[in-house]
Amino acid sequence: MNKRSFSRVLLGAVAGAFLLPAAALAQAKTLVVASSATYAPFAFENKDKQIVGFDIDIINAIAKKQGLALRIVNTPFSSIFASLGNGDVDLVISGVTINDKRKQSYDFSDPYFDARQLIAVAQGSSIASLKDIAGKKVAVVSGSTADDVSSREFGKASPNIRRFESTPLIISELASGGVDAAIGDNGVIAYRVSQTQGLKTVEDPHFPKEYFGIVLRKGDKELRDKVNAGLAAIKADGSYGAIYKKWFHQEYAPQ
């Protein structure tokens, strides 16, 4: 082998040494997932400060099916969409309702949870529906579906709508008498009310049915397809049902 040929071989070997680790790194990329850990039983911190809950088990089960590596980051609900939009995170799973407004800016997975809005009030309250809250103070999580519902019903600038960063805060405000009602997703409101003395829940049949979805950046079809495939797989093999029963203490009944 002459010097020129040897040089070509050596250069190729050196180039390969740099390219192979890069390829391996790309395959092993860890996806960053945002979730607001104030949303029990969907996502919350346990006594060891680990983020756990229904949402967390679901996204981990999907990742396992698809061979994806994940890192969960606790992100306030009010900033999860900005975190996704600016590239700080790759996915959001945080009890996010799929709606037309959000679909203009983000992509969603297939629905992974059937939901509905639920009202929390004091045990002795006469409030029996959303319309009964008119003229009274209501607490909602800022940017949530409950915020949208209340804004449409009472006016976005209404001084009676009190916006907070998390569900524990709206329940705390209700329990302390700072507001007359709190509105949020049924799963988390029911859970929080069950943990708080002196409160009850009120169902309004006029609330439309909702669906939670995993949120992705607009146009990220490859990742969305992987997430949907993983979700379908865990529903098919019974994993989804087991996770549902673990957190809601009842059998999963597809609707």
Protein backbone atom coordinates (compact mmCIF):
# COMPACT_ATOMS: atom_id res chain seq x y z
CA MET A 1 0.00 0.00 0.00
CA ASN A 2 1.47 3.38 -0.99
CA LYS A 3 1.50 6.44 1.25
CA ARG A 4 -1.43 8.07 -0.57
CA SER A 5 -3.64 4.99 -0.19
CA PHE A 6 -2.65 4.60 3.44
CA SER A 7 -3.53 8.24 4.09
CA ARG A 8 -7.00 7.75 2.59
CA VAL A 9 -7.62 4.69 4.77
CA LEU A 10 -6.40 6.52 7.85
CA LEU A 11 -8.60 9.55 7.13
CA GLY A 12 -11.60 7.29 6.60
CA ALA A 13 -10.96 5.52 9.89
CA VAL A 14 -10.63 8.81 11.76
CA ALA A 15 -13.83 10.16 10.18
CA GLY A 16 -15.65 6.98 11.12
CA ALA A 17 -14.45 7.30 14.68
CA PHE A 18 -16.22 10.66 14.89
CA LEU A 19 -19.34 9.66 12.94
CA LEU A 20 -20.20 6.44 14.77
CA PRO A 21 -20.51 7.94 18.24
CA ALA A 22 -22.66 10.74 16.78
CA ALA A 23 -25.02 8.19 15.24
CA ALA A 24 -25.15 6.25 18.47
CA LEU A 25 -25.84 9.46 20.36
CA ALA A 26 -28.71 10.32 18.03
CA GLN A 27 -30.28 6.90 18.58
CA ALA A 28 -29.92 7.23 22.35
CA LYS A 29 -31.35 10.76 22.58
CA THR A 30 -33.29 11.30 25.76
CA LEU A 31 -36.65 12.98 25.20
CA VAL A 32 -37.53 15.66 27.73
CA VAL A 33 -41.14 15.49 28.93
CA ALA A 34 -42.84 18.36 30.77
CA SER A 35 -45.50 17.66 33.38
CA SER A 36 -46.95 19.86 36.11
CA ALA A 37 -46.46 17.84 39.29
CA THR A 38 -49.31 19.53 41.16
CA TYR A 39 -52.00 17.51 39.45
CA ALA A 40 -52.61 14.39 41.54
CA PRO A 41 -53.42 11.69 40.68
CA PHE A 42 -52.13 12.48 37.18
CA ALA A 43 -48.75 13.91 38.20
CA PHE A 44 -47.41 14.86 41.62
CA GLU A 45 -44.32 14.54 43.81
CA ASN A 46 -44.22 11.64 46.27
CA LYS A 47 -42.49 11.79 49.66
CA ASP A 48 -39.15 11.10 47.95
CA LYS A 49 -39.66 14.07 45.60
CA GLN A 50 -40.12 11.73 42.62
CA ILE A 51 -42.74 12.69 40.03
CA VAL A 52 -45.37 9.96 39.93
CA GLY A 53 -48.97 9.53 38.80
CA PHE A 54 -51.25 8.26 36.06
CA ASP A 55 -49.74 10.49 33.35
CA ILE A 56 -46.22 9.49 34.34
CA ASP A 57 -46.99 5.77 34.23
CA ILE A 58 -48.70 6.17 30.85
CA ILE A 59 -45.83 8.03 29.18
CA ASN A 60 -43.27 5.62 30.65
CA ALA A 61 -45.26 2.61 29.39
CA ILE A 62 -45.47 4.17 25.92
CA ALA A 63 -41.73 4.88 25.95
CA LYS A 64 -40.96 1.30 26.97
CA LYS A 65 -43.01 -0.07 24.07
CA GLN A 66 -41.24 2.23 21.59
CA GLY A 67 -37.72 1.98 23.03
CA LEU A 68 -37.60 5.68 23.91
CA ALA A 69 -35.55 7.22 26.72
CA LEU A 70 -37.32 9.89 28.76
CA ARG A 71 -36.54 12.55 31.35
CA ILE A 72 -39.52 14.04 33.18
CA VAL A 73 -39.26 17.69 34.26
CA ASN A 74 -41.65 19.40 36.66
CA THR A 75 -43.00 22.43 34.80
CA PRO A 76 -45.74 24.86 35.92
CA PHE A 77 -48.85 24.39 33.79
CA SER A 78 -48.81 28.07 32.88
CA SER A 79 -45.48 27.64 31.07
CA ILE A 80 -45.63 24.13 29.61
CA PHE A 81 -46.66 25.29 26.14
CA ALA A 82 -43.91 27.90 26.01
CA SER A 83 -41.38 25.25 27.08
CA LEU A 84 -42.51 23.03 24.21
CA GLY A 85 -42.58 25.85 21.70
CA ASN A 86 -39.07 27.10 22.44
CA GLY A 87 -37.54 23.62 22.38
CA ASP A 88 -36.83 23.16 26.09
CA VAL A 89 -38.95 19.99 26.07
CA ASP A 90 -40.00 17.47 23.42
CA LEU A 91 -43.36 16.37 24.83
CA VAL A 92 -45.98 17.51 27.31
CA ILE A 93 -48.20 15.18 29.32
CA SER A 94 -50.09 17.08 31.99
CA GLY A 95 -53.80 16.48 31.69
CA VAL A 96 -53.96 18.72 28.63
CA THR A 97 -57.37 18.88 26.98
CA ILE A 98 -57.36 18.58 23.19
CA ASN A 99 -59.19 21.54 21.68
CA ASP A 100 -59.30 23.42 18.38
CA LYS A 101 -57.49 26.47 19.73
CA ARG A 102 -54.51 24.44 20.94
CA LYS A 103 -54.45 22.35 17.76
CA GLN A 104 -53.70 25.50 15.79
CA SER A 105 -50.30 25.72 17.47
CA TYR A 106 -49.48 22.17 18.58
CA ASP A 107 -49.95 18.56 17.56
CA PHE A 108 -51.62 16.02 19.83
CA SER A 109 -51.46 12.29 20.24
CA ASP A 110 -54.59 10.20 20.11
CA PRO A 111 -56.66 10.73 23.30
CA TYR A 112 -55.36 8.87 26.35
CA PHE A 113 -58.02 9.92 28.90
CA ASP A 114 -61.72 10.83 28.80
CA ALA A 115 -62.44 13.88 30.95
CA ARG A 116 -65.01 16.50 31.89
CA GLN A 117 -64.97 19.69 33.95
CA LEU A 118 -66.10 19.41 37.57
CA ILE A 119 -67.07 22.06 40.12
CA ALA A 120 -65.91 22.02 43.74
CA VAL A 121 -67.82 23.95 46.41
CA ALA A 122 -68.23 24.05 50.19
CA GLN A 123 -70.47 21.36 51.69
CA GLY A 124 -73.25 23.84 52.49
CA SER A 125 -73.16 25.65 49.15
CA SER A 126 -76.32 26.03 47.07
CA ILE A 127 -74.34 26.08 43.80
CA ALA A 128 -75.67 23.30 41.56
CA SER A 129 -74.38 24.32 38.12
CA LEU A 130 -71.97 26.60 36.29
CA LYS A 131 -74.67 29.26 35.85
CA ASP A 132 -75.15 29.41 39.62
CA ILE A 133 -71.60 30.75 39.93
CA ALA A 134 -72.55 33.98 38.12
CA GLY A 135 -71.74 36.93 40.38
CA LYS A 136 -69.68 34.72 42.70
CA LYS A 137 -65.92 34.21 42.95
CA VAL A 138 -64.48 31.18 41.16
CA ALA A 139 -60.92 29.82 41.17
CA VAL A 140 -59.32 28.23 38.11
CA VAL A 141 -55.83 27.24 36.98
CA SER A 142 -54.50 29.91 34.63
CA GLY A 143 -54.58 28.80 30.99
CA SER A 144 -56.60 25.67 31.73
CA THR A 145 -59.85 24.49 30.15
CA ALA A 146 -61.63 25.71 33.28
CA ASP A 147 -60.15 29.16 32.63
CA ASP A 148 -61.53 29.06 29.07
CA VAL A 149 -64.95 27.88 30.25
CA SER A 150 -65.19 30.54 32.95
CA SER A 151 -63.98 33.27 30.60
CA ARG A 152 -66.67 32.40 28.06
CA GLU A 153 -69.39 32.21 30.69
CA PHE A 154 -68.51 35.22 32.84
CA GLY A 155 -66.18 37.33 30.66
CA LYS A 156 -62.42 36.99 30.45
CA ALA A 157 -61.84 40.23 32.37
CA SER A 158 -64.33 39.39 35.13
CA PRO A 159 -62.87 40.28 38.54
CA ASN A 160 -64.67 37.25 39.96
CA ILE A 161 -62.42 34.82 38.10
CA ARG A 162 -59.39 34.17 40.30
CA ARG A 163 -56.51 32.53 38.43
CA PHE A 164 -53.86 30.40 40.14
CA GLU A 165 -50.85 28.37 39.04
CA SER A 166 -52.00 24.94 40.24
CA THR A 167 -54.96 22.85 41.35
CA PRO A 168 -53.82 22.60 45.00
CA LEU A 169 -53.90 26.40 45.13
CA ILE A 170 -57.47 26.70 43.83
CA ILE A 171 -58.67 24.04 46.28
CA SER A 172 -56.82 25.76 49.12
CA GLU A 173 -58.43 29.08 48.18
CA LEU A 174 -61.87 27.43 48.17
CA ALA A 175 -61.28 25.67 51.50
CA SER A 176 -60.20 28.94 53.13
CA GLY A 177 -63.32 30.76 51.89
CA GLY A 178 -61.51 33.02 49.44
CA VAL A 179 -63.76 31.90 46.58
CA ASP A 180 -67.21 30.33 46.26
CA ALA A 181 -66.24 27.61 43.78
CA ALA A 182 -63.33 26.04 41.96
CA ILE A 183 -63.46 24.40 38.54
CA GLY A 184 -61.08 21.89 36.99
CA ASP A 185 -60.74 18.50 35.33
CA ASN A 186 -62.90 15.83 36.94
CA GLY A 187 -60.13 13.39 37.86
CA VAL A 188 -57.98 15.87 39.75
CA ILE A 189 -60.84 17.87 41.32
CA ALA A 190 -62.48 14.70 42.65
CA TYR A 191 -59.14 13.54 44.06
CA ARG A 192 -58.38 16.87 45.77
CA VAL A 193 -61.89 17.20 47.22
CA SER A 194 -61.63 13.69 48.66
CA GLN A 195 -58.49 14.84 50.48
CA THR A 196 -60.03 18.07 51.84
CA GLN A 197 -62.66 18.30 54.57
CA GLY A 198 -65.74 20.44 54.10
CA LEU A 199 -65.91 20.30 50.30
CA LYS A 200 -68.08 18.50 47.76
CA THR A 201 -68.24 18.22 43.98
CA VAL A 202 -70.99 19.36 41.63
CA GLU A 203 -71.49 17.86 38.17
CA ASP A 204 -72.98 20.05 35.46
CA PRO A 205 -74.26 17.94 32.53
CA HIS A 206 -73.82 20.93 30.24
CA PHE A 207 -70.04 20.59 30.43
CA PRO A 208 -68.94 18.93 27.17
CA LYS A 209 -66.94 15.73 27.14
CA GLU A 210 -63.20 16.29 26.78
CA TYR A 211 -60.14 14.24 25.94
CA PHE A 212 -56.59 14.53 27.23
CA GLY A 213 -53.75 14.21 24.73
CA ILE A 214 -49.96 14.20 24.77
CA VAL A 215 -48.73 17.47 23.23
CA LEU A 216 -46.00 17.69 20.58
CA ARG A 217 -44.50 20.45 18.49
CA LYS A 218 -46.42 21.19 15.31
CA GLY A 219 -45.28 18.94 12.47
CA ASP A 220 -43.37 16.39 14.59
CA LYS A 221 -45.08 13.51 12.79
CA GLU A 222 -42.35 10.94 13.45
CA LEU A 223 -42.56 11.32 17.21
CA ARG A 224 -46.35 11.56 17.17
CA ASP A 225 -46.57 8.29 15.24
CA LYS A 226 -44.31 6.58 17.79
CA VAL A 227 -46.36 7.90 20.69
CA ASN A 228 -49.63 6.80 19.08
CA ALA A 229 -48.24 3.35 18.30
CA GLY A 230 -47.08 2.96 21.89
CA LEU A 231 -50.43 4.13 23.24
CA ALA A 232 -52.31 1.67 21.04
CA ALA A 233 -49.98 -1.12 22.18
CA ILE A 234 -50.49 -0.52 25.91
CA LYS A 235 -54.25 -0.39 25.41
CA ALA A 236 -54.14 -3.66 23.48
CA ASP A 237 -52.00 -5.61 25.95
CA GLY A 238 -53.84 -4.52 29.10
CA SER A 239 -51.11 -2.24 30.47
CA TYR A 240 -53.33 0.84 30.14
CA GLY A 241 -56.15 -0.83 32.06
CA ALA A 242 -53.79 -1.85 34.86
CA ILE A 243 -52.44 1.70 35.18
CA TYR A 244 -55.98 3.14 35.16
CA LYS A 245 -57.09 0.80 37.94
CA LYS A 246 -53.96 1.58 39.98
CA TRP A 247 -54.72 5.31 40.11
CA PHE A 248 -58.54 5.49 39.90
CA HIS A 249 -59.40 2.26 41.76
CA GLN A 250 -61.88 1.12 39.14
CA GLU A 251 -61.87 -0.86 35.93
CA TYR A 252 -61.18 1.02 32.72
CA ALA A 253 -64.29 1.15 30.53
CA PRO A 254 -63.60 2.54 27.02
CA GLN A 255 -66.19 5.14 26.02
